[in-house]
């Protein structure tokens, strides 16, 4: 089954539906259930995507090496913000692929041995 593409309108409508507390609670429960397994997937995606390579190490060294405490705090804050955004983007990508796997009728639990 080919991966489904989504229009901006479909994504906007789906995000709006997540405002319903019951729907978000269900999604949160599913993510919490899958978190231990997904953590390894996310870690591999970040490493293999080069997010935690040499450039990341250089940013860590630069941020931690700032002599001025105000500059050091700003550098660390910027690094944490960037890491959070990257982690969230990779997490969303993994989530889309998880949804595709769940929607694939060839991989339903009743059909696997």
PDB file of N, CA and C in Angstrom:
ATOM      1  N   UNK A   1       0.841  -1.162   0.000  1.00  0.00           N
ATOM      2  CA  UNK A   1       0.000   0.000   0.000  1.00  0.00           C
ATOM      3  C   UNK A   1       0.897   1.240   0.000  1.00  0.00           C
ATOM      4  N   UNK A   2       0.709   2.147  -0.951  1.00  0.00           N
ATOM      5  CA  UNK A   2       1.548   3.345  -0.982  1.00  0.00           C
ATOM      6  C   UNK A   2       1.219   4.271   0.190  1.00  0.00           C
ATOM      7  N   UNK A   3       2.221   5.009   0.607  1.00  0.00           N
ATOM      8  CA  UNK A   3       2.011   5.972   1.691  1.00  0.00           C
ATOM      9  C   UNK A   3       1.022   7.037   1.234  1.00  0.00           C
ATOM     10  N   UNK A   4       0.159   7.436   2.124  1.00  0.00           N
ATOM     11  CA  UNK A   4      -0.839   8.441   1.802  1.00  0.00           C
ATOM     12  C   UNK A   4      -0.239   9.826   1.975  1.00  0.00           C
ATOM     13  N   UNK A   5      -0.558  10.729   1.060  1.00  0.00           N
ATOM     14  CA  UNK A   5      -0.155  12.134   1.176  1.00  0.00           C
ATOM     15  C   UNK A   5      -1.311  12.909   1.786  1.00  0.00           C
ATOM     16  N   UNK A   6      -0.988  13.999   2.468  1.00  0.00           N
ATOM     17  CA  UNK A   6      -2.000  14.810   3.128  1.00  0.00           C
ATOM     18  C   UNK A   6      -1.915  16.245   2.622  1.00  0.00           C
ATOM     19  N   UNK A   7      -3.068  16.863   2.443  1.00  0.00           N
ATOM     20  CA  UNK A   7      -3.109  18.269   2.056  1.00  0.00           C
ATOM     21  C   UNK A   7      -2.972  19.126   3.308  1.00  0.00           C
ATOM     22  N   UNK A   8      -2.642  20.375   3.109  1.00  0.00           N
ATOM     23  CA  UNK A   8      -2.548  21.298   4.239  1.00  0.00           C
ATOM     24  C   UNK A   8      -3.891  21.394   4.954  1.00  0.00           C
ATOM     25  N   UNK A   9      -4.977  21.386   4.215  1.00  0.00           N
ATOM     26  CA  UNK A   9      -6.315  21.461   4.825  1.00  0.00           C
ATOM     27  C   UNK A   9      -6.593  20.242   5.696  1.00  0.00           C
ATOM     28  N   UNK A  10      -6.206  19.052   5.222  1.00  0.00           N
ATOM     29  CA  UNK A  10      -6.407  17.837   6.015  1.00  0.00           C
ATOM     30  C   UNK A  10      -5.600  17.880   7.307  1.00  0.00           C
ATOM     31  N   UNK A  11      -4.364  18.347   7.210  1.00  0.00           N
ATOM     32  CA  UNK A  11      -3.516  18.448   8.403  1.00  0.00           C
ATOM     33  C   UNK A  11      -4.110  19.467   9.370  1.00  0.00           C
ATOM     34  N   UNK A  12      -4.544  20.624   8.844  1.00  0.00           N
ATOM     35  CA  UNK A  12      -5.146  21.644   9.706  1.00  0.00           C
ATOM     36  C   UNK A  12      -6.380  21.100  10.423  1.00  0.00           C
ATOM     37  N   UNK A  13      -7.231  20.379   9.702  1.00  0.00           N
ATOM     38  CA  UNK A  13      -8.443  19.812  10.309  1.00  0.00           C
ATOM     39  C   UNK A  13      -8.090  18.768  11.367  1.00  0.00           C
ATOM     40  N   UNK A  14      -7.093  17.947  11.093  1.00  0.00           N
ATOM     41  CA  UNK A  14      -6.680  16.924  12.059  1.00  0.00           C
ATOM     42  C   UNK A  14      -6.110  17.568  13.322  1.00  0.00           C
ATOM     43  N   UNK A  15      -5.304  18.598  13.157  1.00  0.00           N
ATOM     44  CA  UNK A  15      -4.747  19.301  14.323  1.00  0.00           C
ATOM     45  C   UNK A  15      -5.874  19.930  15.132  1.00  0.00           C
ATOM     46  N   UNK A  16      -6.853  20.513  14.451  1.00  0.00           N
ATOM     47  CA  UNK A  16      -7.994  21.109  15.156  1.00  0.00           C
ATOM     48  C   UNK A  16      -8.753  20.053  15.954  1.00  0.00           C
ATOM     49  N   UNK A  17      -8.894  18.845  15.411  1.00  0.00           N
ATOM     50  CA  UNK A  17      -9.588  17.775  16.127  1.00  0.00           C
ATOM     51  C   UNK A  17      -8.834  17.351  17.389  1.00  0.00           C
ATOM     52  N   UNK A  18      -7.514  17.530  17.390  1.00  0.00           N
ATOM     53  CA  UNK A  18      -6.728  17.175  18.572  1.00  0.00           C
ATOM     54  C   UNK A  18      -7.038  18.086  19.758  1.00  0.00           C
ATOM     55  N   UNK A  19      -7.718  19.202  19.516  1.00  0.00           N
ATOM     56  CA  UNK A  19      -8.101  20.089  20.612  1.00  0.00           C
ATOM     57  C   UNK A  19      -9.144  19.424  21.520  1.00  0.00           C
ATOM     58  N   UNK A  20      -9.817  18.401  21.014  1.00  0.00           N
ATOM     59  CA  UNK A  20     -10.782  17.654  21.816  1.00  0.00           C
ATOM     60  C   UNK A  20      -9.999  16.875  22.873  1.00  0.00           C
ATOM     61  N   UNK A  21     -10.211  17.170  24.166  1.00  0.00           N
ATOM     62  CA  UNK A  21      -9.422  16.527  25.229  1.00  0.00           C
ATOM     63  C   UNK A  21      -9.478  15.004  25.201  1.00  0.00           C
ATOM     64  N   UNK A  22     -10.615  14.438  24.820  1.00  0.00           N
ATOM     65  CA  UNK A  22     -10.720  12.979  24.779  1.00  0.00           C
ATOM     66  C   UNK A  22      -9.814  12.386  23.709  1.00  0.00           C
ATOM     67  N   UNK A  23      -9.765  13.022  22.550  1.00  0.00           N
ATOM     68  CA  UNK A  23      -8.910  12.512  21.475  1.00  0.00           C
ATOM     69  C   UNK A  23      -7.445  12.638  21.849  1.00  0.00           C
ATOM     70  N   UNK A  24      -7.064  13.746  22.451  1.00  0.00           N
ATOM     71  CA  UNK A  24      -5.673  13.925  22.828  1.00  0.00           C
ATOM     72  C   UNK A  24      -5.283  12.954  23.931  1.00  0.00           C
ATOM     73  N   UNK A  25      -6.200  12.692  24.853  1.00  0.00           N
ATOM     74  CA  UNK A  25      -5.916  11.750  25.930  1.00  0.00           C
ATOM     75  C   UNK A  25      -5.637  10.367  25.361  1.00  0.00           C
ATOM     76  N   UNK A  26      -6.413   9.960  24.362  1.00  0.00           N
ATOM     77  CA  UNK A  26      -6.195   8.657  23.736  1.00  0.00           C
ATOM     78  C   UNK A  26      -4.835   8.625  23.029  1.00  0.00           C
ATOM     79  N   UNK A  27      -4.536   9.673  22.269  1.00  0.00           N
ATOM     80  CA  UNK A  27      -3.239   9.743  21.575  1.00  0.00           C
ATOM     81  C   UNK A  27      -2.098   9.727  22.578  1.00  0.00           C
ATOM     82  N   UNK A  28      -2.256  10.436  23.670  1.00  0.00           N
ATOM     83  CA  UNK A  28      -1.225  10.476  24.703  1.00  0.00           C
ATOM     84  C   UNK A  28      -1.008   9.090  25.312  1.00  0.00           C
ATOM     85  N   UNK A  29      -2.094   8.370  25.549  1.00  0.00           N
ATOM     86  CA  UNK A  29      -1.987   7.020  26.110  1.00  0.00           C
ATOM     87  C   UNK A  29      -1.258   6.087  25.146  1.00  0.00           C
ATOM     88  N   UNK A  30      -1.550   6.203  23.861  1.00  0.00           N
ATOM     89  CA  UNK A  30      -0.880   5.357  22.869  1.00  0.00           C
ATOM     90  C   UNK A  30       0.609   5.675  22.803  1.00  0.00           C
ATOM     91  N   UNK A  31       0.945   6.958  22.798  1.00  0.00           N
ATOM     92  CA  UNK A  31       2.357   7.361  22.739  1.00  0.00           C
ATOM     93  C   UNK A  31       3.086   6.894  23.996  1.00  0.00           C
ATOM     94  N   UNK A  32       2.447   7.043  25.149  1.00  0.00           N
ATOM     95  CA  UNK A  32       3.062   6.588  26.400  1.00  0.00           C
ATOM     96  C   UNK A  32       3.318   5.084  26.352  1.00  0.00           C
ATOM     97  N   UNK A  33       2.370   4.339  25.810  1.00  0.00           N
ATOM     98  CA  UNK A  33       2.533   2.896  25.666  1.00  0.00           C
ATOM     99  C   UNK A  33       3.721   2.558  24.762  1.00  0.00           C
ATOM    100  N   UNK A  34       3.845   3.283  23.666  1.00  0.00           N
ATOM    101  CA  UNK A  34       4.877   2.987  22.669  1.00  0.00           C
ATOM    102  C   UNK A  34       6.225   3.634  22.995  1.00  0.00           C
ATOM    103  N   UNK A  35       6.257   4.553  23.953  1.00  0.00           N
ATOM    104  CA  UNK A  35       7.468   5.336  24.219  1.00  0.00           C
ATOM    105  C   UNK A  35       8.731   4.502  24.419  1.00  0.00           C
ATOM    106  N   UNK A  36       8.704   3.440  25.217  1.00  0.00           N
ATOM    107  CA  UNK A  36       9.954   2.687  25.392  1.00  0.00           C
ATOM    108  C   UNK A  36      10.516   2.147  24.071  1.00  0.00           C
ATOM    109  N   UNK A  37       9.657   1.632  23.220  1.00  0.00           N
ATOM    110  CA  UNK A  37      10.116   1.111  21.936  1.00  0.00           C
ATOM    111  C   UNK A  37      10.506   2.231  20.986  1.00  0.00           C
ATOM    112  N   UNK A  38       9.719   3.295  20.994  1.00  0.00           N
ATOM    113  CA  UNK A  38       9.983   4.402  20.074  1.00  0.00           C
ATOM    114  C   UNK A  38      11.234   5.181  20.445  1.00  0.00           C
ATOM    115  N   UNK A  39      11.626   5.169  21.713  1.00  0.00           N
ATOM    116  CA  UNK A  39      12.825   5.903  22.121  1.00  0.00           C
ATOM    117  C   UNK A  39      14.040   5.416  21.342  1.00  0.00           C
ATOM    118  N   UNK A  40      14.165   4.108  21.184  1.00  0.00           N
ATOM    119  CA  UNK A  40      15.286   3.564  20.413  1.00  0.00           C
ATOM    120  C   UNK A  40      15.213   3.954  18.951  1.00  0.00           C
ATOM    121  N   UNK A  41      14.004   3.943  18.400  1.00  0.00           N
ATOM    122  CA  UNK A  41      13.820   4.339  16.999  1.00  0.00           C
ATOM    123  C   UNK A  41      14.222   5.799  16.827  1.00  0.00           C
ATOM    124  N   UNK A  42      13.767   6.650  17.740  1.00  0.00           N
ATOM    125  CA  UNK A  42      14.098   8.074  17.656  1.00  0.00           C
ATOM    126  C   UNK A  42      15.599   8.295  17.813  1.00  0.00           C
ATOM    127  N   UNK A  43      16.203   7.607  18.771  1.00  0.00           N
ATOM    128  CA  UNK A  43      17.650   7.749  18.967  1.00  0.00           C
ATOM    129  C   UNK A  43      18.418   7.391  17.698  1.00  0.00           C
ATOM    130  N   UNK A  44      18.045   6.256  17.090  1.00  0.00           N
ATOM    131  CA  UNK A  44      18.727   5.845  15.851  1.00  0.00           C
ATOM    132  C   UNK A  44      18.508   6.856  14.740  1.00  0.00           C
ATOM    133  N   UNK A  45      17.279   7.383  14.621  1.00  0.00           N
ATOM    134  CA  UNK A  45      16.986   8.353  13.575  1.00  0.00           C
ATOM    135  C   UNK A  45      17.813   9.622  13.768  1.00  0.00           C
ATOM    136  N   UNK A  46      17.966  10.056  15.008  1.00  0.00           N
ATOM    137  CA  UNK A  46      18.757  11.257  15.277  1.00  0.00           C
ATOM    138  C   UNK A  46      20.241  11.036  14.980  1.00  0.00           C
ATOM    139  N   UNK A  47      20.742   9.878  15.385  1.00  0.00           N
ATOM    140  CA  UNK A  47      22.159   9.573  15.136  1.00  0.00           C
ATOM    141  C   UNK A  47      22.413   9.378  13.644  1.00  0.00           C
ATOM    142  N   UNK A  48      21.589   8.538  13.014  1.00  0.00           N
ATOM    143  CA  UNK A  48      21.779   8.250  11.596  1.00  0.00           C
ATOM    144  C   UNK A  48      21.530   9.476  10.723  1.00  0.00           C
ATOM    145  N   UNK A  49      20.694  10.392  11.196  1.00  0.00           N
ATOM    146  CA  UNK A  49      20.432  11.630  10.451  1.00  0.00           C
ATOM    147  C   UNK A  49      21.513  12.674  10.642  1.00  0.00           C
ATOM    148  N   UNK A  50      22.502  12.356  11.471  1.00  0.00           N
ATOM    149  CA  UNK A  50      23.614  13.275  11.670  1.00  0.00           C
ATOM    150  C   UNK A  50      23.344  14.374  12.690  1.00  0.00           C
ATOM    151  N   UNK A  51      22.227  14.290  13.407  1.00  0.00           N
ATOM    152  CA  UNK A  51      21.879  15.355  14.349  1.00  0.00           C
ATOM    153  C   UNK A  51      22.792  15.351  15.566  1.00  0.00           C
ATOM    154  N   UNK A  52      23.350  14.190  15.916  1.00  0.00           N
ATOM    155  CA  UNK A  52      24.212  14.116  17.082  1.00  0.00           C
ATOM    156  C   UNK A  52      25.643  13.778  16.687  1.00  0.00           C
ATOM    157  N   UNK A  53      26.083  14.308  15.584  1.00  0.00           N
ATOM    158  CA  UNK A  53      27.431  14.077  15.095  1.00  0.00           C
ATOM    159  C   UNK A  53      28.406  15.137  15.569  1.00  0.00           C
ATOM    160  N   UNK A  54      29.429  15.364  14.766  1.00  0.00           N
ATOM    161  CA  UNK A  54      30.500  16.297  15.103  1.00  0.00           C
ATOM    162  C   UNK A  54      29.988  17.723  15.300  1.00  0.00           C
ATOM    163  N   UNK A  55      29.060  18.173  14.468  1.00  0.00           N
ATOM    164  CA  UNK A  55      28.537  19.529  14.599  1.00  0.00           C
ATOM    165  C   UNK A  55      27.851  19.715  15.950  1.00  0.00           C
ATOM    166  N   UNK A  56      27.130  18.696  16.379  1.00  0.00           N
ATOM    167  CA  UNK A  56      26.457  18.747  17.681  1.00  0.00           C
ATOM    168  C   UNK A  56      27.483  18.855  18.808  1.00  0.00           C
ATOM    169  N   UNK A  57      28.527  18.057  18.726  1.00  0.00           N
ATOM    170  CA  UNK A  57      29.576  18.095  19.750  1.00  0.00           C
ATOM    171  C   UNK A  57      30.252  19.465  19.794  1.00  0.00           C
ATOM    172  N   UNK A  58      30.490  20.052  18.632  1.00  0.00           N
ATOM    173  CA  UNK A  58      31.100  21.384  18.593  1.00  0.00           C
ATOM    174  C   UNK A  58      30.198  22.427  19.243  1.00  0.00           C
ATOM    175  N   UNK A  59      28.887  22.333  18.996  1.00  0.00           N
ATOM    176  CA  UNK A  59      27.951  23.267  19.634  1.00  0.00           C
ATOM    177  C   UNK A  59      27.940  23.085  21.151  1.00  0.00           C
ATOM    178  N   UNK A  60      28.014  21.833  21.616  1.00  0.00           N
ATOM    179  CA  UNK A  60      28.081  21.580  23.055  1.00  0.00           C
ATOM    180  C   UNK A  60      29.335  22.197  23.671  1.00  0.00           C
ATOM    181  N   UNK A  61      30.459  21.982  23.009  1.00  0.00           N
ATOM    182  CA  UNK A  61      31.715  22.537  23.519  1.00  0.00           C
ATOM    183  C   UNK A  61      31.689  24.059  23.525  1.00  0.00           C
ATOM    184  N   UNK A  62      31.177  24.626  22.464  1.00  0.00           N
ATOM    185  CA  UNK A  62      31.115  26.089  22.368  1.00  0.00           C
ATOM    186  C   UNK A  62      30.209  26.660  23.457  1.00  0.00           C
ATOM    187  N   UNK A  63      29.040  26.046  23.634  1.00  0.00           N
ATOM    188  CA  UNK A  63      28.098  26.548  24.639  1.00  0.00           C
ATOM    189  C   UNK A  63      28.667  26.407  26.045  1.00  0.00           C
ATOM    190  N   UNK A  64      29.259  25.265  26.343  1.00  0.00           N
ATOM    191  CA  UNK A  64      29.779  25.046  27.699  1.00  0.00           C
ATOM    192  C   UNK A  64      31.061  25.820  27.964  1.00  0.00           C
ATOM    193  N   UNK A  65      31.730  26.256  26.904  1.00  0.00           N
ATOM    194  CA  UNK A  65      32.995  26.952  27.076  1.00  0.00           C
ATOM    195  C   UNK A  65      32.891  28.465  27.157  1.00  0.00           C
ATOM    196  N   UNK A  66      31.703  29.011  27.020  1.00  0.00           N
ATOM    197  CA  UNK A  66      31.534  30.469  27.121  1.00  0.00           C
ATOM    198  C   UNK A  66      31.965  30.940  28.505  1.00  0.00           C
ATOM    199  N   UNK A  67      32.851  31.922  28.554  1.00  0.00           N
ATOM    200  CA  UNK A  67      33.331  32.396  29.849  1.00  0.00           C
ATOM    201  C   UNK A  67      32.334  33.316  30.545  1.00  0.00           C
ATOM    202  N   UNK A  68      31.604  34.100  29.789  1.00  0.00           N
ATOM    203  CA  UNK A  68      30.608  35.004  30.375  1.00  0.00           C
ATOM    204  C   UNK A  68      29.358  34.186  30.714  1.00  0.00           C
ATOM    205  N   UNK A  69      28.926  34.199  31.974  1.00  0.00           N
ATOM    206  CA  UNK A  69      27.756  33.397  32.362  1.00  0.00           C
ATOM    207  C   UNK A  69      26.491  33.741  31.570  1.00  0.00           C
ATOM    208  N   UNK A  70      26.295  34.989  31.233  1.00  0.00           N
ATOM    209  CA  UNK A  70      25.115  35.379  30.459  1.00  0.00           C
ATOM    210  C   UNK A  70      25.200  34.796  29.054  1.00  0.00           C
ATOM    211  N   UNK A  71      26.383  34.879  28.437  1.00  0.00           N
ATOM    212  CA  UNK A  71      26.566  34.302  27.102  1.00  0.00           C
ATOM    213  C   UNK A  71      26.443  32.781  27.132  1.00  0.00           C
ATOM    214  N   UNK A  72      26.984  32.156  28.193  1.00  0.00           N
ATOM    215  CA  UNK A  72      26.906  30.702  28.323  1.00  0.00           C
ATOM    216  C   UNK A  72      25.446  30.256  28.459  1.00  0.00           C
ATOM    217  N   UNK A  73      24.690  30.951  29.285  1.00  0.00           N
ATOM    218  CA  UNK A  73      23.279  30.618  29.456  1.00  0.00           C
ATOM    219  C   UNK A  73      22.519  30.766  28.135  1.00  0.00           C
ATOM    220  N   UNK A  74      22.788  31.835  27.405  1.00  0.00           N
ATOM    221  CA  UNK A  74      22.118  32.045  26.123  1.00  0.00           C
ATOM    222  C   UNK A  74      22.502  30.960  25.109  1.00  0.00           C
ATOM    223  N   UNK A  75      23.784  30.573  25.089  1.00  0.00           N
ATOM    224  CA  UNK A  75      24.227  29.523  24.165  1.00  0.00           C
ATOM    225  C   UNK A  75      23.588  28.180  24.513  1.00  0.00           C
ATOM    226  N   UNK A  76      23.518  27.864  25.806  1.00  0.00           N
ATOM    227  CA  UNK A  76      22.900  26.604  26.224  1.00  0.00           C
ATOM    228  C   UNK A  76      21.402  26.644  25.923  1.00  0.00           C
ATOM    229  N   UNK A  77      20.760  27.768  26.184  1.00  0.00           N
ATOM    230  CA  UNK A  77      19.325  27.902  25.910  1.00  0.00           C
ATOM    231  C   UNK A  77      19.050  27.705  24.415  1.00  0.00           C
ATOM    232  N   UNK A  78      19.870  28.302  23.570  1.00  0.00           N
ATOM    233  CA  UNK A  78      19.712  28.159  22.119  1.00  0.00           C
ATOM    234  C   UNK A  78      19.911  26.710  21.690  1.00  0.00           C
ATOM    235  N   UNK A  79      20.914  26.054  22.243  1.00  0.00           N
ATOM    236  CA  UNK A  79      21.179  24.658  21.912  1.00  0.00           C
ATOM    237  C   UNK A  79      20.011  23.762  22.330  1.00  0.00           C
ATOM    238  N   UNK A  80      19.495  23.963  23.521  1.00  0.00           N
ATOM    239  CA  UNK A  80      18.357  23.166  23.989  1.00  0.00           C
ATOM    240  C   UNK A  80      17.141  23.411  23.100  1.00  0.00           C
ATOM    241  N   UNK A  81      16.898  24.671  22.745  1.00  0.00           N
ATOM    242  CA  UNK A  81      15.768  24.986  21.861  1.00  0.00           C
ATOM    243  C   UNK A  81      15.907  24.269  20.520  1.00  0.00           C
ATOM    244  N   UNK A  82      17.097  24.302  19.939  1.00  0.00           N
ATOM    245  CA  UNK A  82      17.319  23.645  18.646  1.00  0.00           C
ATOM    246  C   UNK A  82      17.161  22.139  18.761  1.00  0.00           C
ATOM    247  N   UNK A  83      17.697  21.556  19.817  1.00  0.00           N
ATOM    248  CA  UNK A  83      17.564  20.113  20.010  1.00  0.00           C
ATOM    249  C   UNK A  83      16.108  19.716  20.192  1.00  0.00           C
ATOM    250  N   UNK A  84      15.364  20.525  20.901  1.00  0.00           N
ATOM    251  CA  UNK A  84      13.943  20.239  21.110  1.00  0.00           C
ATOM    252  C   UNK A  84      13.199  20.252  19.787  1.00  0.00           C
ATOM    253  N   UNK A  85      13.449  21.272  18.967  1.00  0.00           N
ATOM    254  CA  UNK A  85      12.778  21.351  17.667  1.00  0.00           C
ATOM    255  C   UNK A  85      13.134  20.161  16.791  1.00  0.00           C
ATOM    256  N   UNK A  86      14.405  19.807  16.729  1.00  0.00           N
ATOM    257  CA  UNK A  86      14.827  18.676  15.900  1.00  0.00           C
ATOM    258  C   UNK A  86      14.198  17.388  16.415  1.00  0.00           C
ATOM    259  N   UNK A  87      14.232  17.186  17.728  1.00  0.00           N
ATOM    260  CA  UNK A  87      13.630  15.989  18.298  1.00  0.00           C
ATOM    261  C   UNK A  87      12.143  15.894  17.999  1.00  0.00           C
ATOM    262  N   UNK A  88      11.463  17.023  18.067  1.00  0.00           N
ATOM    263  CA  UNK A  88      10.030  17.018  17.770  1.00  0.00           C
ATOM    264  C   UNK A  88       9.775  16.721  16.299  1.00  0.00           C
ATOM    265  N   UNK A  89      10.573  17.299  15.418  1.00  0.00           N
ATOM    266  CA  UNK A  89      10.389  17.045  13.987  1.00  0.00           C
ATOM    267  C   UNK A  89      10.643  15.586  13.645  1.00  0.00           C
ATOM    268  N   UNK A  90      11.706  15.020  14.206  1.00  0.00           N
ATOM    269  CA  UNK A  90      11.985  13.601  13.964  1.00  0.00           C
ATOM    270  C   UNK A  90      10.876  12.750  14.572  1.00  0.00           C
ATOM    271  N   UNK A  91      10.391  13.136  15.751  1.00  0.00           N
ATOM    272  CA  UNK A  91       9.296  12.407  16.376  1.00  0.00           C
ATOM    273  C   UNK A  91       8.030  12.415  15.536  1.00  0.00           C
ATOM    274  N   UNK A  92       7.731  13.550  14.925  1.00  0.00           N
ATOM    275  CA  UNK A  92       6.555  13.629  14.053  1.00  0.00           C
ATOM    276  C   UNK A  92       6.749  12.724  12.844  1.00  0.00           C
ATOM    277  N   UNK A  93       7.943  12.737  12.270  1.00  0.00           N
ATOM    278  CA  UNK A  93       8.211  11.875  11.113  1.00  0.00           C
ATOM    279  C   UNK A  93       8.042  10.404  11.487  1.00  0.00           C
ATOM    280  N   UNK A  94       8.557  10.016  12.633  1.00  0.00           N
ATOM    281  CA  UNK A  94       8.395   8.634  13.095  1.00  0.00           C
ATOM    282  C   UNK A  94       6.917   8.345  13.338  1.00  0.00           C
ATOM    283  N   UNK A  95       6.188   9.311  13.885  1.00  0.00           N
ATOM    284  CA  UNK A  95       4.758   9.145  14.109  1.00  0.00           C
ATOM    285  C   UNK A  95       3.988   8.917  12.824  1.00  0.00           C
ATOM    286  N   UNK A  96       4.343   9.668  11.779  1.00  0.00           N
ATOM    287  CA  UNK A  96       3.689   9.455  10.487  1.00  0.00           C
ATOM    288  C   UNK A  96       3.958   8.035   9.984  1.00  0.00           C
ATOM    289  N   UNK A  97       5.174   7.584  10.105  1.00  0.00           N
ATOM    290  CA  UNK A  97       5.494   6.237   9.642  1.00  0.00           C
ATOM    291  C   UNK A  97       4.808   5.183  10.499  1.00  0.00           C
ATOM    292  N   UNK A  98       4.692   5.432  11.799  1.00  0.00           N
ATOM    293  CA  UNK A  98       3.961   4.506  12.669  1.00  0.00           C
ATOM    294  C   UNK A  98       2.505   4.426  12.226  1.00  0.00           C
ATOM    295  N   UNK A  99       1.917   5.569  11.912  1.00  0.00           N
ATOM    296  CA  UNK A  99       0.527   5.581  11.435  1.00  0.00           C
ATOM    297  C   UNK A  99       0.404   4.783  10.141  1.00  0.00           C
ATOM    298  N   UNK A 100       1.371   4.914   9.242  1.00  0.00           N
ATOM    299  CA  UNK A 100       1.347   4.149   7.993  1.00  0.00           C
ATOM    300  C   UNK A 100       1.443   2.649   8.272  1.00  0.00           C
ATOM    301  N   UNK A 101       2.299   2.279   9.213  1.00  0.00           N
ATOM    302  CA  UNK A 101       2.425   0.863   9.573  1.00  0.00           C
ATOM    303  C   UNK A 101       1.116   0.332  10.157  1.00  0.00           C
ATOM    304  N   UNK A 102       0.492   1.119  11.017  1.00  0.00           N
ATOM    305  CA  UNK A 102      -0.764   0.689  11.629  1.00  0.00           C
ATOM    306  C   UNK A 102      -1.890   0.593  10.606  1.00  0.00           C
ATOM    307  N   UNK A 103      -1.836   1.417   9.571  1.00  0.00           N
ATOM    308  CA  UNK A 103      -2.888   1.422   8.551  1.00  0.00           C
ATOM    309  C   UNK A 103      -2.683   0.333   7.499  1.00  0.00           C
ATOM    310  N   UNK A 104      -1.515  -0.303   7.483  1.00  0.00           N
ATOM    311  CA  UNK A 104      -1.202  -1.309   6.483  1.00  0.00           C
ATOM    312  C   UNK A 104      -1.875  -2.624   6.848  1.00  0.00           C
ATOM    313  N   UNK A 105      -2.868  -3.062   6.070  1.00  0.00           N
ATOM    314  CA  UNK A 105      -3.594  -4.305   6.403  1.00  0.00           C
ATOM    315  C   UNK A 105      -2.706  -5.550   6.343  1.00  0.00           C
ATOM    316  N   UNK A 106      -1.572  -5.470   5.676  1.00  0.00           N
ATOM    317  CA  UNK A 106      -0.696  -6.634   5.596  1.00  0.00           C
ATOM    318  C   UNK A 106       0.086  -6.864   6.879  1.00  0.00           C
ATOM    319  N   UNK A 107       0.043  -5.912   7.811  1.00  0.00           N
ATOM    320  CA  UNK A 107       0.788  -6.043   9.063  1.00  0.00           C
ATOM    321  C   UNK A 107      -0.110  -6.062  10.282  1.00  0.00           C
ATOM    322  N   UNK A 108      -1.321  -6.526  10.137  1.00  0.00           N
ATOM    323  CA  UNK A 108      -2.208  -6.606  11.299  1.00  0.00           C
ATOM    324  C   UNK A 108      -1.781  -7.777  12.169  1.00  0.00           C
ATOM    325  N   UNK A 109      -1.956  -7.668  13.502  1.00  0.00           N
ATOM    326  CA  UNK A 109      -1.515  -8.748  14.407  1.00  0.00           C
ATOM    327  C   UNK A 109      -2.131 -10.097  14.068  1.00  0.00           C
ATOM    328  N   UNK A 110      -3.343 -10.130  13.576  1.00  0.00           N
ATOM    329  CA  UNK A 110      -3.982 -11.420  13.295  1.00  0.00           C
ATOM    330  C   UNK A 110      -3.345 -12.131  12.112  1.00  0.00           C
ATOM    331  N   UNK A 111      -2.612 -11.396  11.270  1.00  0.00           N
ATOM    332  CA  UNK A 111      -2.005 -11.996  10.092  1.00  0.00           C
ATOM    333  C   UNK A 111      -0.546 -12.362  10.309  1.00  0.00           C
ATOM    334  N   UNK A 112       0.056 -11.852  11.375  1.00  0.00           N
ATOM    335  CA  UNK A 112       1.470 -12.142  11.598  1.00  0.00           C
ATOM    336  C   UNK A 112       1.617 -13.368  12.467  1.00  0.00           C
ATOM    337  N   UNK A 113       2.690 -14.103  12.235  1.00  0.00           N
ATOM    338  CA  UNK A 113       2.912 -15.306  13.037  1.00  0.00           C
ATOM    339  C   UNK A 113       3.927 -15.080  14.126  1.00  0.00           C
TER     340      UNK A 113
END
